[in-house]
Amino acid sequence: MPTTLHQRLLGEALGTALLLAIVIGSGIMAERLSGGNVAVALLANTLATVFGLFILIEVFGPVSGAHFNPAVSLVMSLRGELPWALLGAYVVAQLGGAACGAWLAHAMFDLPILQWSTKLRTGHGQWVAEAVATAGLLLVILRAPAAKVSAMVAAYIGAAYWFTASTSFANPAAAFGRMFSDSFAGIAPASAPGFVIAQVSGALIGLGLHQLLGAMPAASSATAGTPSQAASSAATEPPHKSDRAAA
């Protein structure tokens, strides 16, 4: 059945909220159980994010395209997959969902609901890492076979948690939501703008690299079957694959 605009926006808000609840909640749990071992905490945080992200893409992909990420939505608008008139609504839904996800994680762990992160994440290495993480994410989204995009996106984010200096936020909504959590996964508000600039830049680099690499065969293109209809306000069939981005 076709999805309405309200259903698509609800899908983006709910999916992003659950993504942030997974990232922040698993970070809190990991920190409590790891006995101060940061590597073990990061591994636990990574595994929860990978499994959760895969499920969220599968569940919400047919509803909204499962972007959960303003940088992904921007690229989809540039490609004509998401009408420009809906980009702002998608971004608002994603940011609102991200904040709600952080608050939900706090509620589950009996922490103060409203808080600000004090965890500084800044410097050229961090910014380069975010650009690399986001560029790679967009390459996976745009070039993965449709049937494998959920698993490949989740696997890439899991790897990027470890090979990037920033632990791969790769998502302006994730940076926004993590500002509201003074926990293992948090980011200080003063550090967030640098991350967002790097993420948007990385997304555009990823799009440019995809174009340089050439078009994918129609049968395996990651964007085949995820038409602009999936995000348009007209009544259309929902997308059959997701173009999501991650934590």
Protein backbone atom coordinates (compact mmCIF):
# COMPACT_ATOMS: atom_id res chain seq x y z
CA MET A 1 0.00 0.00 0.00
CA PRO A 2 1.16 3.57 -0.59
CA THR A 3 2.48 5.53 2.36
CA THR A 4 1.34 9.04 3.22
CA LEU A 5 3.62 11.96 3.98
CA HIS A 6 2.69 11.76 7.66
CA GLN A 7 3.62 8.09 7.74
CA ARG A 8 6.97 8.80 6.11
CA LEU A 9 7.80 11.56 8.56
CA LEU A 10 6.70 9.37 11.47
CA GLY A 11 8.93 6.62 10.13
CA GLU A 12 11.93 8.96 10.00
CA ALA A 13 11.25 10.38 13.47
CA LEU A 14 10.61 7.01 15.10
CA GLY A 15 13.49 5.29 13.33
CA THR A 16 15.96 8.02 14.27
CA ALA A 17 14.71 8.02 17.86
CA LEU A 18 15.23 4.28 18.15
CA LEU A 19 18.65 4.54 16.52
CA LEU A 20 19.78 7.12 19.08
CA ALA A 21 18.24 5.11 21.92
CA ILE A 22 20.26 2.11 20.74
CA VAL A 23 23.51 4.05 20.39
CA ILE A 24 23.24 5.95 23.67
CA GLY A 25 21.54 3.22 25.68
CA SER A 26 24.07 0.57 24.69
CA GLY A 27 26.85 3.04 25.48
CA ILE A 28 25.48 3.56 28.98
CA MET A 29 25.08 -0.18 29.54
CA ALA A 30 28.53 -0.91 28.11
CA GLU A 31 30.18 1.68 30.34
CA ARG A 32 28.47 0.29 33.43
CA LEU A 33 29.43 -3.32 32.70
CA SER A 34 32.90 -2.96 31.19
CA GLY A 35 34.71 -2.18 34.43
CA GLY A 36 36.48 0.81 32.94
CA ASN A 37 37.74 -1.06 29.86
CA VAL A 38 37.03 1.41 27.07
CA ALA A 39 37.78 -1.09 24.31
CA VAL A 40 35.23 -3.54 25.68
CA ALA A 41 32.68 -0.74 26.06
CA LEU A 42 33.21 0.38 22.47
CA LEU A 43 32.91 -3.20 21.20
CA ALA A 44 29.60 -3.66 23.01
CA ASN A 45 28.37 -0.29 21.73
CA THR A 46 29.39 -1.29 18.20
CA LEU A 47 27.62 -4.64 18.23
CA ALA A 48 24.37 -3.18 19.53
CA THR A 49 24.48 -0.45 16.89
CA VAL A 50 25.18 -2.88 14.04
CA PHE A 51 22.33 -5.23 14.98
CA GLY A 52 19.91 -2.42 15.76
CA LEU A 53 20.69 -0.49 12.60
CA PHE A 54 20.10 -3.52 10.40
CA ILE A 55 16.69 -4.10 11.95
CA LEU A 56 15.69 -0.43 11.73
CA ILE A 57 16.56 -0.25 8.04
CA GLU A 58 14.55 -3.38 7.32
CA VAL A 59 11.54 -2.16 9.31
CA PHE A 60 11.40 1.48 8.19
CA GLY A 61 12.88 1.25 4.71
CA PRO A 62 9.52 0.48 3.07
CA VAL A 63 7.92 3.38 4.95
CA SER A 64 10.26 6.34 4.54
CA GLY A 65 13.43 5.07 2.84
CA ALA A 66 15.02 4.80 6.32
CA HIS A 67 17.41 7.73 5.95
CA PHE A 68 17.59 8.65 9.67
CA ASN A 69 20.27 11.09 8.57
CA PRO A 70 20.05 14.65 7.16
CA ALA A 71 23.20 14.14 5.09
CA VAL A 72 21.62 11.15 3.37
CA SER A 73 18.39 13.05 2.78
CA LEU A 74 20.37 15.93 1.27
CA VAL A 75 22.12 13.60 -1.17
CA MET A 76 18.82 11.94 -2.08
CA SER A 77 17.38 15.39 -2.87
CA LEU A 78 20.40 16.20 -5.02
CA ARG A 79 19.80 12.95 -6.89
CA GLY A 80 16.09 13.58 -7.32
CA GLU A 81 15.15 10.69 -5.02
CA LEU A 82 13.63 13.01 -2.40
CA PRO A 83 11.74 16.13 -3.49
CA TRP A 84 13.37 19.34 -2.25
CA ALA A 85 10.02 20.40 -0.81
CA LEU A 86 10.23 17.48 1.65
CA LEU A 87 13.89 17.81 2.64
CA GLY A 88 13.21 20.27 5.45
CA ALA A 89 10.41 18.13 6.88
CA TYR A 90 12.64 15.04 6.79
CA VAL A 91 15.44 16.87 8.60
CA VAL A 92 13.12 18.24 11.28
CA ALA A 93 11.67 14.76 11.86
CA GLN A 94 15.18 13.29 12.12
CA LEU A 95 16.45 15.93 14.55
CA GLY A 96 13.35 15.72 16.71
CA GLY A 97 13.58 11.95 16.76
CA ALA A 98 17.27 12.08 17.69
CA ALA A 99 16.61 14.27 20.74
CA CYS A 100 13.72 12.04 21.83
CA GLY A 101 15.92 8.97 21.47
CA ALA A 102 18.52 10.44 23.81
CA TRP A 103 15.85 11.27 26.39
CA LEU A 104 14.36 7.78 26.06
CA ALA A 105 17.75 6.19 26.78
CA HIS A 106 18.11 8.32 29.90
CA ALA A 107 14.64 7.35 31.08
CA MET A 108 15.42 3.64 30.68
CA PHE A 109 18.57 3.95 32.80
CA ASP A 110 17.09 6.22 35.50
CA LEU A 111 19.30 9.14 34.51
CA PRO A 112 18.29 12.81 34.44
CA ILE A 113 16.26 13.21 31.27
CA LEU A 114 17.58 16.66 30.36
CA GLN A 115 21.35 16.99 30.26
CA TRP A 116 24.15 18.31 28.05
CA SER A 117 27.22 16.36 27.04
CA THR A 118 30.58 17.59 28.30
CA LYS A 119 32.57 15.20 26.07
CA LEU A 120 34.73 17.28 23.74
CA ARG A 121 35.42 15.74 20.34
CA THR A 122 37.39 18.13 18.19
CA GLY A 123 40.49 18.52 16.06
CA HIS A 124 41.48 17.94 12.46
CA GLY A 125 41.79 14.19 12.92
CA GLN A 126 38.22 13.95 14.20
CA TRP A 127 36.88 16.08 11.35
CA VAL A 128 38.75 14.12 8.69
CA ALA A 129 37.46 10.91 10.27
CA GLU A 130 33.86 12.13 10.08
CA ALA A 131 34.27 13.15 6.44
CA VAL A 132 35.75 9.74 5.62
CA ALA A 133 33.05 7.88 7.56
CA THR A 134 30.22 9.77 5.88
CA ALA A 135 31.71 9.57 2.39
CA GLY A 136 32.08 5.83 2.80
CA LEU A 137 28.54 5.52 4.10
CA LEU A 138 27.13 7.29 1.06
CA LEU A 139 29.19 5.13 -1.27
CA VAL A 140 27.75 2.02 0.37
CA ILE A 141 24.21 3.37 0.20
CA LEU A 142 24.49 4.38 -3.44
CA ARG A 143 26.34 1.32 -4.72
CA ALA A 144 25.19 -1.61 -2.59
CA PRO A 145 22.90 -4.15 -4.28
CA ALA A 146 19.33 -3.45 -3.23
CA ALA A 147 18.89 -6.78 -1.44
CA LYS A 148 22.06 -6.26 0.59
CA VAL A 149 21.94 -2.58 1.48
CA SER A 150 20.69 -3.10 5.06
CA ALA A 151 23.44 -5.55 5.95
CA MET A 152 26.15 -3.61 4.13
CA VAL A 153 25.27 -0.28 5.75
CA ALA A 154 25.19 -1.87 9.22
CA ALA A 155 28.46 -3.70 8.60
CA TYR A 156 30.16 -0.56 7.30
CA ILE A 157 29.10 1.48 10.34
CA GLY A 158 30.36 -1.28 12.62
CA ALA A 159 33.75 -1.24 10.90
CA ALA A 160 33.88 2.56 10.90
CA TYR A 161 33.36 2.62 14.68
CA TRP A 162 36.85 1.16 14.87
CA PHE A 163 38.83 2.47 11.91
CA THR A 164 37.89 6.16 12.33
CA ALA A 165 39.23 8.41 15.07
CA SER A 166 35.75 9.81 15.70
CA THR A 167 34.02 6.39 16.10
CA SER A 168 31.93 7.25 13.03
CA PHE A 169 28.92 9.37 13.85
CA ALA A 170 28.52 9.93 10.06
CA ASN A 171 25.16 11.58 10.73
CA PRO A 172 24.23 15.17 11.69
CA ALA A 173 21.13 13.90 13.50
CA ALA A 174 23.30 11.57 15.57
CA ALA A 175 25.60 14.47 16.47
CA PHE A 176 22.56 16.55 17.41
CA GLY A 177 20.98 13.84 19.56
CA ARG A 178 24.22 12.93 21.32
CA MET A 179 24.61 16.54 22.50
CA PHE A 180 21.76 15.84 24.92
CA SER A 181 23.53 12.94 26.65
CA ASP A 182 26.48 13.30 29.01
CA SER A 183 27.32 9.64 28.56
CA PHE A 184 29.78 7.35 26.79
CA ALA A 185 28.31 8.22 23.37
CA GLY A 186 27.86 11.95 23.95
CA ILE A 187 29.38 14.94 22.19
CA ALA A 188 29.70 18.43 23.66
CA PRO A 189 27.56 21.06 21.90
CA ALA A 190 30.69 23.07 21.12
CA SER A 191 32.09 20.09 19.17
CA ALA A 192 28.94 19.30 17.16
CA PRO A 193 29.21 22.03 14.47
CA GLY A 194 32.61 20.79 13.32
CA PHE A 195 31.24 17.26 13.07
CA VAL A 196 28.19 18.37 11.09
CA ILE A 197 30.28 20.37 8.60
CA ALA A 198 32.60 17.38 8.12
CA GLN A 199 29.64 15.01 7.69
CA VAL A 200 27.91 17.13 5.06
CA SER A 201 31.22 17.59 3.24
CA GLY A 202 31.83 13.84 3.39
CA ALA A 203 28.36 13.10 2.04
CA LEU A 204 29.01 15.35 -0.97
CA ILE A 205 32.40 13.71 -1.50
CA GLY A 206 30.73 10.31 -1.39
CA LEU A 207 28.21 11.42 -4.01
CA GLY A 208 31.00 12.77 -6.21
CA LEU A 209 32.98 9.54 -5.94
CA HIS A 210 29.89 7.53 -6.82
CA GLN A 211 29.44 9.61 -9.97
CA LEU A 212 33.11 9.22 -10.90
CA LEU A 213 32.85 5.46 -10.51
CA GLY A 214 30.01 5.36 -13.01
CA ALA A 215 26.42 4.23 -12.94
CA MET A 216 25.52 0.91 -11.40
CA PRO A 217 23.66 -1.69 -13.50
CA ALA A 218 19.94 -1.13 -13.14
CA ALA A 219 19.31 -4.53 -11.56
CA SER A 220 21.78 -3.99 -8.72
CA SER A 221 21.72 -0.25 -8.17
CA ALA A 222 21.20 0.66 -4.54
CA THR A 223 18.79 3.35 -5.59
CA ALA A 224 16.80 1.24 -8.04
CA GLY A 225 13.31 0.83 -6.64
CA THR A 226 13.80 3.56 -4.02
CA PRO A 227 12.26 6.26 -6.08
CA SER A 228 11.43 9.77 -5.29
CA GLN A 229 7.92 8.38 -4.98
CA ALA A 230 8.98 6.96 -1.62
CA ALA A 231 9.44 10.45 -0.31
CA SER A 232 6.99 12.42 -2.40
CA SER A 233 3.69 13.67 -1.15
CA ALA A 234 1.83 11.87 -3.93
CA ALA A 235 0.32 8.47 -3.21
CA THR A 236 2.75 5.90 -4.60
CA GLU A 237 4.04 2.45 -3.87
CA PRO A 238 6.53 2.42 -0.95
CA PRO A 239 10.21 1.82 -1.70
CA HIS A 240 11.43 -1.74 -1.73
CA LYS A 241 14.92 -0.93 -0.44
CA SER A 242 16.32 1.55 1.98
CA ASP A 243 18.86 4.33 1.64
CA ARG A 244 19.75 4.78 5.25
CA ALA A 245 22.66 6.28 7.14
CA ALA A 246 23.85 5.79 10.60
CA ALA A 247 24.93 6.69 13.96
